[in-house]
Protein backbone atom coordinates (compact mmCIF):
# COMPACT_ATOMS: atom_id res chain seq x y z
CA MET A 1 0.00 0.00 0.00
CA SER A 2 1.50 3.30 -1.00
CA HIS A 3 0.75 6.67 0.45
CA THR A 4 0.99 9.85 -1.52
CA THR A 5 1.47 13.17 0.10
CA GLU A 6 -0.38 15.98 -1.56
CA LYS A 7 1.09 19.43 -1.26
CA THR A 8 -1.62 21.81 -0.18
CA GLU A 9 -1.48 25.50 -0.93
CA PRO A 10 -1.63 27.86 2.06
CA ALA A 11 -4.92 29.56 2.90
CA GLN A 12 -5.41 32.67 0.83
CA PRO A 13 -8.12 35.31 0.86
CA SER A 14 -10.11 35.79 -2.33
CA PRO A 15 -9.79 39.07 -4.22
CA ASP A 16 -13.34 39.91 -3.05
CA THR A 17 -12.26 39.37 0.56
CA VAL A 18 -9.23 41.64 0.08
CA LEU A 19 -11.44 44.44 -1.25
CA ALA A 20 -14.11 43.98 1.44
CA VAL A 21 -11.64 43.84 4.35
CA GLY A 22 -9.81 46.89 2.98
CA GLY A 23 -13.03 48.84 2.50
CA TRP A 24 -12.28 49.51 -1.17
CA SER A 25 -14.88 50.82 -3.61
CA ARG A 26 -16.45 48.72 -6.32
CA HIS A 27 -14.01 50.27 -8.82
CA ALA A 28 -10.92 48.86 -7.07
CA ARG A 29 -9.36 45.61 -8.27
CA VAL A 30 -6.75 43.20 -6.98
CA LEU A 31 -3.69 43.11 -9.25
CA ALA A 32 -1.68 40.41 -7.44
CA LEU A 33 -2.07 38.34 -4.28
CA ALA A 34 0.21 36.07 -2.23
CA SER A 35 -0.21 34.29 1.11
CA ASN A 36 1.78 32.05 3.43
CA GLY A 37 -1.38 30.80 5.15
CA ALA A 38 -1.15 33.21 8.08
CA VAL A 39 -0.42 36.52 6.34
CA ALA A 40 -1.40 37.70 2.88
CA PHE A 41 -0.31 40.67 0.82
CA ALA A 42 -2.23 42.09 -2.12
CA LEU A 43 -1.62 44.86 -4.60
CA VAL A 44 -4.83 46.84 -5.13
CA ASP A 45 -5.52 49.24 -7.98
CA THR A 46 -7.41 51.67 -5.78
CA ASN A 47 -9.83 53.09 -8.34
CA GLY A 48 -9.49 50.84 -11.37
CA ASP A 49 -7.47 53.21 -13.55
CA GLY A 50 -4.19 51.29 -13.22
CA VAL A 51 -2.29 54.30 -11.90
CA GLU A 52 -2.40 54.39 -8.08
CA VAL A 53 -1.61 51.08 -6.36
CA ASN A 54 -1.71 50.15 -2.66
CA LEU A 55 -0.06 47.25 -0.85
CA GLU A 56 -2.55 45.65 1.56
CA GLU A 57 -1.66 43.24 4.35
CA LEU A 58 -4.24 40.83 5.74
CA TYR A 59 -3.78 38.34 8.53
CA LEU A 60 -5.74 35.21 9.40
CA GLY A 61 -7.28 35.65 12.85
CA GLU A 62 -8.11 33.04 15.48
CA ASP A 63 -11.68 33.22 14.14
CA ASP A 64 -10.40 31.86 10.77
CA ALA A 65 -11.36 35.15 9.08
CA TRP A 66 -9.04 37.54 7.27
CA HIS A 67 -8.48 40.92 8.95
CA ALA A 68 -6.85 44.15 7.80
CA GLY A 69 -3.22 44.79 8.62
CA MET A 70 -1.06 47.57 7.26
CA SER A 71 -1.90 49.47 4.11
CA LEU A 72 0.55 51.62 2.22
CA GLY A 73 0.95 53.25 -1.13
CA ALA A 74 2.89 51.02 -3.49
CA GLY A 75 3.42 53.77 -6.04
CA GLU A 76 2.19 54.56 -9.47
CA PHE A 77 2.36 52.65 -12.72
CA ILE A 78 5.86 52.59 -14.16
CA ALA A 79 7.02 51.94 -17.69
CA LEU A 80 8.98 48.72 -17.94
CA ARG A 81 12.50 48.54 -19.32
CA GLY A 82 13.56 45.44 -21.14
CA ARG A 83 12.31 42.09 -22.21
CA ASP A 84 11.63 39.20 -19.83
CA SER A 85 12.38 41.42 -16.88
CA ALA A 86 10.89 41.55 -13.39
CA TYR A 87 11.58 44.45 -11.07
CA VAL A 88 11.40 44.76 -7.30
CA LEU A 89 9.66 48.04 -6.48
CA GLY A 90 9.36 47.60 -2.72
CA PHE A 91 10.17 45.19 0.08
CA GLY A 92 10.24 45.06 3.84
CA GLU A 93 9.04 43.24 6.93
CA ASN A 94 5.82 43.56 8.88
CA PRO A 95 6.01 44.08 12.68
CA ASP A 96 6.01 40.28 13.17
CA GLY A 97 9.13 39.89 11.00
CA VAL A 98 7.36 38.45 7.94
CA GLY A 99 9.11 39.55 4.76
CA TRP A 100 7.23 40.87 1.74
CA ALA A 101 8.08 42.24 -1.68
CA TYR A 102 6.26 43.45 -4.78
CA GLY A 103 7.01 44.67 -8.24
CA ARG A 104 6.25 44.71 -11.95
CA ALA A 105 7.28 42.61 -14.91
CA ASP A 106 6.84 42.57 -18.65
CA ARG A 107 5.24 39.11 -18.89
CA ALA A 108 3.00 36.91 -16.75
CA GLY A 109 4.10 33.57 -15.29
CA ALA A 110 6.79 32.11 -13.07
CA ALA A 111 10.01 34.08 -12.60
CA GLN A 112 12.69 34.91 -10.05
CA VAL A 113 13.96 38.18 -8.67
CA THR A 114 16.96 39.03 -6.55
CA MET A 115 16.05 40.87 -3.40
CA ASP A 116 18.32 41.81 -0.53
CA GLY A 117 21.00 39.39 -1.74
CA ARG A 118 18.78 36.34 -2.26
CA THR A 119 16.81 34.93 -5.15
CA ILE A 120 13.09 34.45 -4.56
CA PRO A 121 10.55 32.70 -6.80
CA ILE A 122 7.60 34.85 -7.85
CA THR A 123 4.44 34.42 -9.86
CA ILE A 124 3.64 37.35 -12.10
CA ALA A 125 -0.10 37.90 -12.47
CA GLU A 126 -1.85 38.71 -15.75
CA SER A 127 -1.85 42.34 -14.56
CA LEU A 128 1.98 42.19 -14.84
CA TRP A 129 2.28 42.91 -11.09
CA TRP A 130 3.61 40.42 -8.54
CA VAL A 131 3.64 40.20 -4.77
CA TRP A 132 5.55 37.79 -2.52
CA VAL A 133 5.27 36.90 1.13
CA GLN A 134 7.87 34.96 3.10
CA PRO A 135 6.84 31.33 3.60
CA VAL A 136 6.09 30.28 7.18
CA ASP A 137 8.99 27.80 7.25
CA GLU A 138 11.46 30.59 6.39
CA GLN A 139 10.45 32.92 9.21
CA ARG A 140 12.99 33.62 11.90
């Protein structure tokens, strides 16, 4: 008898949950979303025009619901330079020491970026934005 171990993806809020928890208008849209099962980060186009973007943090509470964390301006749309390129536009840590990063790219799909001296795998959304959150097993 053989046993297979299925890899399960960490819990992640839906784009609708991100917008509801953040109190965004019906014109806002989620550009990219990543979660480690306990913390999620999303890039939100605040009014649907693709210009002003916010980074939203959500955390999974003891009630198994997503709650708002920090919210900060991620900047404005930038023109991309180059082919098959992904750029880090911002990175940091939340107060609990969970690392995060976000950026833009010129194509959707799997890629890697170098951030703070290490290479991290990213998934670039169809919006050409990406967001990354430090996996739980990498936290200090």
